[in-house]
């Protein structure tokens, strides 16, 4: 690939990046491609495509080189042998084929086209604004809007964005604005796809969360922070995270690794697994006119939890350290082994034949796609010293978090599951914890089993 053609692409992308409305439209298109049929079975391809497009939008073209991608995206050692390990080249080749297939099948409805030219990892992004209204056949298509209305607002919360749920107030913190439009239209699509009936919301946790009249804060995970801990081999405490000390002390890291981590943690992204979960939650909240505030973990502060709001926290403590605020209430607690880069779940009060520790077989998608067994926790507890509740959906990997969300939002089956909890006799638990075993294939959950369900006593029950 000639230097001239590469420079031409960087110039065009730089021009695009100066237009916030156009960037948001591109991100909506990117999410449609990634979550479409062609890329649905390739978590690695999804990661790669999102990585190179986002890096290009940021203007970080120097990082779109084989070795840097291998380190940043696939967690290879900075000195790894590219000749023996061709993961970047192989993945790029697969992504090129999938993009060609996607645009062959769906390109007629696309405003954008993304290509990865051979010999380079800098994408070629073509924008062809439609002259007619978008096709109704595409459920994720973006309707016509004034570009000025799509631009990110001033610091604070994004306002004036039309939600697909007019009775629900949805507020987005600025770090989450990168997925603002993608979420809005994805949520509308997902609300039509959920199989669980919406009328049966008399079961906890939804009976408490959706009828309280309190604001609901959904706290999405911080996947970059989880990756940084995997690279350094150090789990960062909630105290350090709350004080924005995201990287271990200088003496424990080489200057090169520390510089890389500082660069990697710039900005805030939400995990791809979180987007459909948030959409489903908002769909449940729609009939109740519940005010919903969507946040990222890194945008939160301790004082945000010192309110009477209700909370839903997504991700394990590695990607959402705020879970540690509720650790003492939980029987199922995440533990992290620095030497293995794996999270396990400790059962501090095992019942009957329950194990003391549950260890996944496979790294989990917070680090990389995996095949094997993952675990997850669903917990519904009191927010300490507050009147609100906290629903925790956390897996040892992203697959587990997705499986936990799917189970708890199946409101037709949830009462049967909770009926078997070991809480107070002759009454369903009002607070509970569940431990789930998740079988996964290539980074996607296949089936989920409830390993244990601990009901809480009346003294531990949220009010």
Protein backbone atom coordinates (compact mmCIF):
# COMPACT_ATOMS: atom_id res chain seq x y z
CA UNK A 1 0.00 0.00 0.00
CA UNK A 2 1.54 3.29 -1.09
CA UNK A 3 2.33 6.01 1.41
CA UNK A 4 0.24 8.44 -0.67
CA UNK A 5 -2.91 6.32 -0.40
CA UNK A 6 -2.39 5.83 3.32
CA UNK A 7 -1.94 9.56 3.89
CA UNK A 8 -5.06 10.27 1.82
CA UNK A 9 -7.09 8.00 4.10
CA UNK A 10 -5.75 9.64 7.24
CA UNK A 11 -6.64 13.08 5.87
CA UNK A 12 -10.19 12.02 5.03
CA UNK A 13 -10.70 10.43 8.45
CA UNK A 14 -9.28 13.51 10.17
CA UNK A 15 -11.81 15.67 8.32
CA UNK A 16 -14.62 13.34 9.35
CA UNK A 17 -13.48 13.40 12.99
CA UNK A 18 -13.92 17.18 13.10
CA UNK A 19 -17.67 16.79 12.58
CA UNK A 20 -19.26 15.43 15.80
CA UNK A 21 -22.58 14.67 14.13
CA UNK A 22 -20.89 12.70 11.36
CA UNK A 23 -18.78 10.79 13.90
CA UNK A 24 -21.89 9.76 15.83
CA UNK A 25 -23.53 8.57 12.61
CA UNK A 26 -20.41 6.55 11.85
CA UNK A 27 -20.50 4.96 15.29
CA UNK A 28 -24.14 4.01 14.82
CA UNK A 29 -23.18 2.38 11.51
CA UNK A 30 -20.22 0.62 13.12
CA UNK A 31 -22.45 -0.91 15.82
CA UNK A 32 -24.90 -2.08 13.17
CA UNK A 33 -22.09 -3.84 11.30
CA UNK A 34 -20.56 -5.38 14.42
CA UNK A 35 -23.88 -6.67 15.75
CA UNK A 36 -25.08 -7.78 12.34
CA UNK A 37 -25.36 -11.31 10.99
CA UNK A 38 -21.95 -11.40 9.31
CA UNK A 39 -19.90 -10.41 12.39
CA UNK A 40 -22.19 -12.05 14.95
CA UNK A 41 -20.05 -15.19 15.26
CA UNK A 42 -16.69 -13.43 15.42
CA UNK A 43 -16.01 -11.64 18.74
CA UNK A 44 -12.38 -11.20 17.71
CA UNK A 45 -13.40 -9.62 14.42
CA UNK A 46 -15.82 -7.32 16.26
CA UNK A 47 -13.03 -6.24 18.59
CA UNK A 48 -10.60 -5.62 15.77
CA UNK A 49 -13.00 -3.58 13.63
CA UNK A 50 -14.14 -1.40 16.54
CA UNK A 51 -10.49 -0.91 17.62
CA UNK A 52 -9.16 0.30 14.26
CA UNK A 53 -12.15 2.57 13.60
CA UNK A 54 -12.04 4.17 17.06
CA UNK A 55 -8.28 4.65 16.90
CA UNK A 56 -8.70 6.33 13.52
CA UNK A 57 -11.41 8.66 14.80
CA UNK A 58 -9.11 9.61 17.68
CA UNK A 59 -6.36 10.38 15.15
CA UNK A 60 -4.08 7.78 16.71
CA UNK A 61 -2.84 6.36 13.41
CA UNK A 62 0.60 5.51 14.81
CA UNK A 63 -0.97 2.77 16.94
CA UNK A 64 -2.47 1.06 13.88
CA UNK A 65 0.61 -1.04 13.29
CA UNK A 66 0.84 -4.80 13.62
CA UNK A 67 2.93 -4.94 16.80
CA UNK A 68 1.03 -2.18 18.58
CA UNK A 69 -2.33 -3.80 17.74
CA UNK A 70 -0.98 -7.13 18.94
CA UNK A 71 -0.07 -5.57 22.29
CA UNK A 72 -3.04 -3.24 22.76
CA UNK A 73 -5.85 -5.41 21.45
CA UNK A 74 -4.63 -9.00 21.75
CA UNK A 75 -2.49 -8.54 24.87
CA UNK A 76 0.72 -9.90 23.42
CA UNK A 77 4.07 -9.08 24.99
CA UNK A 78 5.68 -5.93 23.54
CA UNK A 79 8.54 -8.16 22.31
CA UNK A 80 6.39 -10.92 20.78
CA UNK A 81 7.54 -12.54 17.51
CA UNK A 82 5.23 -11.41 14.71
CA UNK A 83 6.61 -14.16 12.49
CA UNK A 84 5.49 -16.91 14.83
CA UNK A 85 2.30 -15.18 15.99
CA UNK A 86 0.27 -13.81 13.08
CA UNK A 87 -2.90 -13.05 15.05
CA UNK A 88 -3.13 -9.46 13.76
CA UNK A 89 -2.67 -10.38 10.10
CA UNK A 90 -5.04 -13.34 10.32
CA UNK A 91 -7.72 -11.30 12.08
CA UNK A 92 -7.39 -8.40 9.63
CA UNK A 93 -7.77 -10.80 6.70
CA UNK A 94 -10.90 -12.30 8.23
CA UNK A 95 -12.36 -8.83 8.90
CA UNK A 96 -11.75 -7.80 5.26
CA UNK A 97 -13.69 -10.84 4.06
CA UNK A 98 -16.54 -10.21 6.50
CA UNK A 99 -16.79 -6.54 5.52
CA UNK A 100 -16.98 -7.52 1.86
CA UNK A 101 -19.74 -10.03 2.66
CA UNK A 102 -21.62 -7.49 4.81
CA UNK A 103 -21.65 -4.76 2.16
CA UNK A 104 -22.47 -7.25 -0.59
CA UNK A 105 -25.61 -8.24 1.33
CA UNK A 106 -26.55 -4.95 3.02
CA UNK A 107 -24.47 -2.22 1.38
CA UNK A 108 -27.40 -0.82 -0.56
CA UNK A 109 -28.82 0.61 2.69
CA UNK A 110 -25.54 1.94 4.09
CA UNK A 111 -24.58 5.58 4.38
CA UNK A 112 -21.04 4.52 5.28
CA UNK A 113 -18.70 1.87 4.03
CA UNK A 114 -15.69 0.69 6.04
CA UNK A 115 -12.85 -1.22 4.40
CA UNK A 116 -9.45 -2.42 5.61
CA UNK A 117 -7.19 -2.19 2.54
CA UNK A 118 -4.55 -4.94 2.24
CA UNK A 119 -1.16 -3.97 3.59
CA UNK A 120 -2.54 -1.50 6.12
CA UNK A 121 -4.63 -1.43 9.29
CA UNK A 122 -5.85 2.13 8.78
CA UNK A 123 -9.45 1.78 7.59
CA UNK A 124 -10.89 3.43 4.53
CA UNK A 125 -14.16 5.12 5.47
CA UNK A 126 -16.52 6.27 2.74
CA UNK A 127 -19.60 8.36 3.48
CA UNK A 128 -22.47 8.48 1.00
CA UNK A 129 -25.35 10.50 2.50
CA UNK A 130 -28.72 9.16 1.31
CA UNK A 131 -30.91 11.31 -0.89
CA UNK A 132 -34.08 9.48 0.21
CA UNK A 133 -35.44 8.47 3.60
CA UNK A 134 -33.96 5.37 5.15
CA UNK A 135 -35.50 1.99 4.46
CA UNK A 136 -38.08 0.75 6.93
CA UNK A 137 -36.70 -2.75 6.44
CA UNK A 138 -33.67 -1.92 8.57
CA UNK A 139 -34.72 -1.89 12.26
CA UNK A 140 -31.54 -0.08 13.29
CA UNK A 141 -31.62 2.52 10.54
CA UNK A 142 -31.16 6.09 11.68
CA UNK A 143 -34.07 8.38 10.78
CA UNK A 144 -33.48 11.79 9.27
CA UNK A 145 -32.41 14.35 11.80
CA UNK A 146 -30.89 17.77 11.86
CA UNK A 147 -27.14 17.12 12.29
CA UNK A 148 -27.02 19.91 14.86
CA UNK A 149 -29.34 17.88 17.06
CA UNK A 150 -26.96 14.91 16.93
CA UNK A 151 -23.86 16.74 18.14
CA UNK A 152 -22.66 16.16 21.68
CA UNK A 153 -23.85 18.83 24.13
CA UNK A 154 -21.82 20.86 26.55
CA UNK A 155 -20.39 19.16 29.67
CA UNK A 156 -23.01 17.79 32.00
CA UNK A 157 -25.66 15.44 30.69
CA UNK A 158 -26.76 14.95 27.12
CA UNK A 159 -30.12 16.64 26.77
CA UNK A 160 -32.70 16.93 24.05
CA UNK A 161 -32.13 13.40 22.73
CA UNK A 162 -35.37 11.73 21.72
CA UNK A 163 -35.67 8.32 23.33
CA UNK A 164 -37.66 5.47 21.82
CA UNK A 165 -39.45 5.38 25.19
CA UNK A 166 -41.27 8.73 25.57
CA UNK A 167 -42.51 8.02 29.10
CA UNK A 168 -39.07 7.18 30.43
CA UNK A 169 -36.53 9.90 31.20
CA UNK A 170 -33.08 8.76 30.06
CA UNK A 171 -30.07 10.81 31.05
CA UNK A 172 -26.60 9.99 29.72
CA UNK A 173 -23.36 11.04 31.34
CA UNK A 174 -20.87 12.57 28.93
CA UNK A 175 -18.44 9.58 28.94
CA UNK A 176 -21.30 7.39 27.70
CA UNK A 177 -22.16 9.79 24.87
CA UNK A 178 -19.96 7.80 22.50
CA UNK A 179 -22.71 5.18 22.39
CA UNK A 180 -25.61 7.58 22.81
CA UNK A 181 -27.23 7.29 19.41
CA UNK A 182 -26.33 3.65 18.97
CA UNK A 183 -28.02 2.87 22.28
CA UNK A 184 -31.19 4.81 21.52
CA UNK A 185 -31.96 3.00 18.30
CA UNK A 186 -30.63 -0.34 19.53
CA UNK A 187 -32.94 -0.03 22.53
CA UNK A 188 -35.94 0.46 20.29
CA UNK A 189 -34.97 -2.61 18.33
CA UNK A 190 -34.31 -4.75 21.39
CA UNK A 191 -37.63 -3.82 22.98
CA UNK A 192 -39.36 -5.65 20.14
CA UNK A 193 -37.17 -8.74 20.46
CA UNK A 194 -37.47 -9.59 24.18
CA UNK A 195 -39.45 -12.76 24.77
CA UNK A 196 -40.35 -12.25 28.44
CA UNK A 197 -43.82 -10.81 29.11
CA UNK A 198 -43.76 -7.27 30.44
CA UNK A 199 -46.86 -7.55 32.62
CA UNK A 200 -45.34 -9.95 35.16
CA UNK A 201 -43.14 -7.47 37.03
CA UNK A 202 -44.38 -8.32 40.52
CA UNK A 203 -41.27 -10.37 41.26
CA UNK A 204 -38.09 -9.00 42.84
CA UNK A 205 -35.96 -7.24 41.89
CA UNK A 206 -38.23 -5.50 39.38
CA UNK A 207 -41.17 -5.07 41.75
CA UNK A 208 -38.95 -3.00 44.04
CA UNK A 209 -36.90 -1.15 41.44
CA UNK A 210 -39.65 -0.14 39.02
CA UNK A 211 -42.29 0.87 41.57
CA UNK A 212 -40.12 2.85 43.96
CA UNK A 213 -40.42 6.27 42.31
CA UNK A 214 -36.67 6.68 42.77
CA UNK A 215 -34.15 7.37 40.02
CA UNK A 216 -32.48 4.27 38.58
CA UNK A 217 -28.76 4.58 37.88
CA UNK A 218 -27.33 1.95 35.53
CA UNK A 219 -23.55 1.76 35.93
CA UNK A 220 -21.88 0.20 32.88
CA UNK A 221 -18.49 -1.49 33.12
CA UNK A 222 -15.03 -0.14 32.27
CA UNK A 223 -13.44 -2.67 29.88
CA UNK A 224 -10.26 -0.64 29.33
CA UNK A 225 -9.61 -0.70 33.06
CA UNK A 226 -10.07 -4.48 33.14
CA UNK A 227 -7.60 -4.86 30.26
CA UNK A 228 -5.07 -2.60 31.97
CA UNK A 229 -5.15 -4.79 35.07
CA UNK A 230 -4.65 -7.89 32.95
CA UNK A 231 -1.59 -6.28 31.31
CA UNK A 232 -0.01 -5.17 34.59
CA UNK A 233 -1.08 -8.21 36.62
CA UNK A 234 -2.28 -5.95 39.45
CA UNK A 235 -5.85 -5.66 40.70
CA UNK A 236 -6.58 -2.04 41.66
CA UNK A 237 -8.58 -1.41 44.83
CA UNK A 238 -11.84 0.50 44.91
CA UNK A 239 -10.13 3.19 46.96
CA UNK A 240 -7.51 3.78 44.27
CA UNK A 241 -10.13 3.64 41.51
CA UNK A 242 -12.32 6.18 43.30
CA UNK A 243 -9.27 8.44 43.61
CA UNK A 244 -8.41 7.94 39.92
CA UNK A 245 -5.22 5.99 40.66
CA UNK A 246 -5.71 3.52 37.86
CA UNK A 247 -2.11 2.31 37.48
CA UNK A 248 0.15 0.66 40.11
CA UNK A 249 3.09 2.52 41.60
CA UNK A 250 5.92 3.43 39.22
CA UNK A 251 8.34 1.01 40.82
CA UNK A 252 6.26 -2.03 39.81
CA UNK A 253 6.09 -1.27 36.10
CA UNK A 254 8.61 -0.53 33.38
CA UNK A 255 8.41 3.01 31.94
CA UNK A 256 7.31 1.53 28.61
CA UNK A 257 4.41 -0.44 30.11
CA UNK A 258 3.36 2.48 32.30
CA UNK A 259 3.36 4.85 29.31
CA UNK A 260 1.33 2.36 27.30
CA UNK A 261 -1.26 1.98 30.10
CA UNK A 262 -1.64 5.74 30.51
CA UNK A 263 -2.29 6.04 26.80
CA UNK A 264 -4.65 3.07 26.77
CA UNK A 265 -6.83 4.47 29.56
CA UNK A 266 -7.50 7.78 27.83
CA UNK A 267 -11.22 8.36 27.41
CA UNK A 268 -13.97 6.02 28.56
CA UNK A 269 -15.63 3.21 26.65
CA UNK A 270 -18.41 0.86 27.62
CA UNK A 271 -18.19 -2.88 27.00
CA UNK A 272 -20.02 -4.19 23.93
CA UNK A 273 -21.85 -6.68 26.15
CA UNK A 274 -23.41 -3.81 28.12
CA UNK A 275 -25.26 -2.15 25.25
CA UNK A 276 -28.04 -4.75 24.78
CA UNK A 277 -28.32 -5.20 28.56
CA UNK A 278 -28.94 -1.49 29.08
CA UNK A 279 -31.45 -1.49 26.23
CA UNK A 280 -33.38 -4.36 27.80
CA UNK A 281 -33.45 -2.69 31.22
CA UNK A 282 -34.77 0.53 29.75
CA UNK A 283 -37.42 -1.48 27.92
CA UNK A 284 -38.56 -2.94 31.24
CA UNK A 285 -38.65 0.53 32.80
CA UNK A 286 -40.70 2.04 29.98
CA UNK A 287 -44.24 1.45 31.37
CA UNK A 288 -43.32 2.75 34.83
CA UNK A 289 -42.11 6.17 33.60
CA UNK A 290 -38.98 5.45 35.61
CA UNK A 291 -36.24 8.07 35.42
CA UNK A 292 -33.11 6.29 34.25
CA UNK A 293 -29.56 7.64 34.49
CA UNK A 294 -26.97 5.71 32.48
CA UNK A 295 -23.38 6.06 33.69
CA UNK A 296 -19.98 4.49 33.12
CA UNK A 297 -18.03 3.16 36.06
CA UNK A 298 -15.22 5.68 35.59
CA UNK A 299 -17.63 8.61 35.64
CA UNK A 300 -18.96 7.64 39.08
CA UNK A 301 -17.85 9.04 42.43
CA UNK A 302 -18.46 7.71 45.92
CA UNK A 303 -20.96 10.47 46.63
CA UNK A 304 -23.08 9.24 43.70
CA UNK A 305 -23.88 6.13 45.72
CA UNK A 306 -24.73 8.09 48.85
CA UNK A 307 -28.27 8.73 47.65
CA UNK A 308 -31.60 6.97 47.83
CA UNK A 309 -31.45 6.06 44.14
CA UNK A 310 -31.67 2.48 42.91
CA UNK A 311 -28.63 1.04 41.11
CA UNK A 312 -27.89 -1.67 38.58
CA UNK A 313 -24.18 -2.46 38.31
CA UNK A 314 -22.81 -4.35 35.29
CA UNK A 315 -19.54 -6.29 35.26
CA UNK A 316 -17.22 -7.82 37.83
CA UNK A 317 -15.00 -5.83 40.23
CA UNK A 318 -12.20 -5.93 37.63
CA UNK A 319 -14.28 -3.83 35.24
CA UNK A 320 -16.60 -2.19 37.77
CA UNK A 321 -14.81 -1.75 41.12
CA UNK A 322 -17.93 -0.16 42.65
CA UNK A 323 -19.21 -3.67 43.33
CA UNK A 324 -16.91 -3.71 46.34
CA UNK A 325 -19.29 -1.29 48.09
CA UNK A 326 -21.62 -4.27 48.47
CA UNK A 327 -19.02 -6.99 49.05
CA UNK A 328 -19.75 -7.54 52.74
CA UNK A 329 -23.40 -8.31 51.99
CA UNK A 330 -22.55 -11.01 49.45
CA UNK A 331 -21.94 -14.71 49.92
CA UNK A 332 -20.50 -14.99 46.41
CA UNK A 333 -17.40 -12.80 46.17
CA UNK A 334 -14.98 -12.32 43.29
CA UNK A 335 -11.33 -13.13 43.91
CA UNK A 336 -8.49 -12.41 41.49
CA UNK A 337 -5.27 -14.39 41.05
CA UNK A 338 -2.48 -12.18 39.74
CA UNK A 339 -0.51 -15.16 38.51
CA UNK A 340 -3.29 -16.53 36.32
CA UNK A 341 -5.19 -13.39 35.22
CA UNK A 342 -8.39 -15.23 36.14
CA UNK A 343 -11.25 -14.30 38.41
CA UNK A 344 -12.86 -16.94 40.59
CA UNK A 345 -15.88 -16.74 42.86
CA UNK A 346 -15.55 -17.56 46.54
CA UNK A 347 -18.58 -18.94 48.37
CA UNK A 348 -18.08 -17.62 51.90
CA UNK A 349 -21.11 -19.47 53.31
CA UNK A 350 -21.41 -22.75 51.35
CA UNK A 351 -24.57 -24.76 51.86
CA UNK A 352 -24.92 -28.52 51.45
CA UNK A 353 -22.87 -29.71 48.49
CA UNK A 354 -21.86 -26.24 47.34
CA UNK A 355 -18.18 -25.66 46.68
CA UNK A 356 -15.99 -23.15 48.47
CA UNK A 357 -14.51 -21.72 45.26
CA UNK A 358 -15.75 -21.73 41.67
CA UNK A 359 -13.04 -21.18 39.04
CA UNK A 360 -13.85 -20.59 35.36
CA UNK A 361 -12.29 -22.61 32.56
CA UNK A 362 -11.24 -19.93 30.12
CA UNK A 363 -10.20 -16.30 30.50
CA UNK A 364 -13.59 -14.71 29.86
CA UNK A 365 -14.39 -11.95 27.41
CA UNK A 366 -13.25 -9.12 29.67
CA UNK A 367 -9.80 -10.28 28.60
CA UNK A 368 -10.36 -12.26 25.39
CA UNK A 369 -12.95 -14.56 23.79
CA UNK A 370 -13.02 -17.97 25.37
CA UNK A 371 -14.60 -21.40 25.15
CA UNK A 372 -15.32 -23.34 28.33
CA UNK A 373 -17.09 -22.54 31.57
CA UNK A 374 -17.69 -19.13 33.12
CA UNK A 375 -19.51 -18.09 36.30
CA UNK A 376 -21.71 -15.17 37.17
CA UNK A 377 -23.49 -13.61 40.13
CA UNK A 378 -26.93 -12.05 40.32
CA UNK A 379 -27.46 -10.22 43.61
CA UNK A 380 -30.22 -7.96 44.88
CA UNK A 381 -29.27 -6.14 48.08
CA UNK A 382 -29.73 -2.93 50.03
CA UNK A 383 -27.58 0.07 49.25
CA UNK A 384 -25.81 0.43 52.64
CA UNK A 385 -27.23 3.24 54.80
CA UNK A 386 -29.64 4.25 52.03
CA UNK A 387 -33.22 3.37 51.18
CA UNK A 388 -32.46 2.33 47.60
CA UNK A 389 -31.60 -1.08 46.19
CA UNK A 390 -28.70 -2.46 44.18
CA UNK A 391 -29.00 -5.15 41.52
CA UNK A 392 -25.63 -6.66 40.61
CA UNK A 393 -25.12 -8.50 37.31
CA UNK A 394 -21.52 -9.67 37.25
CA UNK A 395 -19.65 -12.44 35.47
CA UNK A 396 -16.08 -13.70 35.59
CA UNK A 397 -16.16 -12.56 31.97
CA UNK A 398 -18.49 -10.56 29.78
CA UNK A 399 -20.32 -13.73 28.74
CA UNK A 400 -21.29 -14.34 32.36
CA UNK A 401 -22.60 -10.79 32.79
CA UNK A 402 -24.73 -11.19 29.64
CA UNK A 403 -26.08 -14.52 30.88
CA UNK A 404 -26.90 -13.06 34.30
CA UNK A 405 -28.84 -10.21 32.70
CA UNK A 406 -30.75 -12.57 30.43
CA UNK A 407 -31.80 -14.76 33.36
CA UNK A 408 -32.95 -11.97 35.67
CA UNK A 409 -34.91 -10.27 32.88
CA UNK A 410 -36.78 -13.47 32.07
CA UNK A 411 -39.60 -12.37 34.39
CA UNK A 412 -41.79 -15.36 33.55
CA UNK A 413 -39.22 -17.90 34.82
CA UNK A 414 -37.59 -15.86 37.59
CA UNK A 415 -40.30 -16.61 40.23
CA UNK A 416 -39.72 -20.36 39.82
CA UNK A 417 -35.99 -19.91 40.29
CA UNK A 418 -36.38 -17.73 43.37
CA UNK A 419 -38.88 -20.17 44.87
CA UNK A 420 -36.00 -22.64 45.26
CA UNK A 421 -33.79 -20.20 47.18
CA UNK A 422 -32.88 -21.21 50.72
CA UNK A 423 -34.40 -18.11 52.36
CA UNK A 424 -37.10 -17.87 55.03
CA UNK A 425 -39.57 -20.78 54.78
CA UNK A 426 -42.97 -20.34 53.13
CA UNK A 427 -42.18 -16.98 51.59
CA UNK A 428 -40.32 -15.89 48.46
CA UNK A 429 -37.06 -14.04 49.09
CA UNK A 430 -37.18 -10.29 48.87
CA UNK A 431 -33.39 -10.16 48.57
CA UNK A 432 -31.22 -12.87 47.11
CA UNK A 433 -27.99 -13.98 45.51
CA UNK A 434 -27.62 -16.45 42.68
CA UNK A 435 -24.50 -18.17 41.40
CA UNK A 436 -24.68 -19.15 37.72
CA UNK A 437 -22.60 -21.56 35.69
CA UNK A 438 -22.33 -20.44 32.04
CA UNK A 439 -21.15 -22.66 29.22
CA UNK A 440 -19.62 -20.58 26.44
CA UNK A 441 -18.37 -21.06 22.92
CA UNK A 442 -15.98 -18.61 21.23
CA UNK A 443 -16.90 -15.79 23.58
CA UNK A 444 -20.68 -16.34 23.53
CA UNK A 445 -22.82 -17.92 26.29
CA UNK A 446 -24.65 -21.09 25.21
CA UNK A 447 -26.56 -22.33 28.27
CA UNK A 448 -26.83 -21.23 31.89
CA UNK A 449 -27.48 -23.25 35.07
CA UNK A 450 -28.27 -21.93 38.55
CA UNK A 451 -25.64 -23.48 40.82
CA UNK A 452 -26.90 -21.90 44.04
CA UNK A 453 -29.51 -19.43 45.22
CA UNK A 454 -29.20 -17.85 48.66
CA UNK A 455 -32.20 -15.96 49.96
CA UNK A 456 -31.55 -13.27 52.55
CA UNK A 457 -33.28 -13.13 55.90
CA UNK A 458 -35.71 -10.37 56.79
CA UNK A 459 -32.91 -8.55 58.62
CA UNK A 460 -30.94 -8.38 55.35
CA UNK A 461 -33.85 -7.51 53.12
CA UNK A 462 -34.02 -4.16 51.31
CA UNK A 463 -36.85 -2.02 52.59
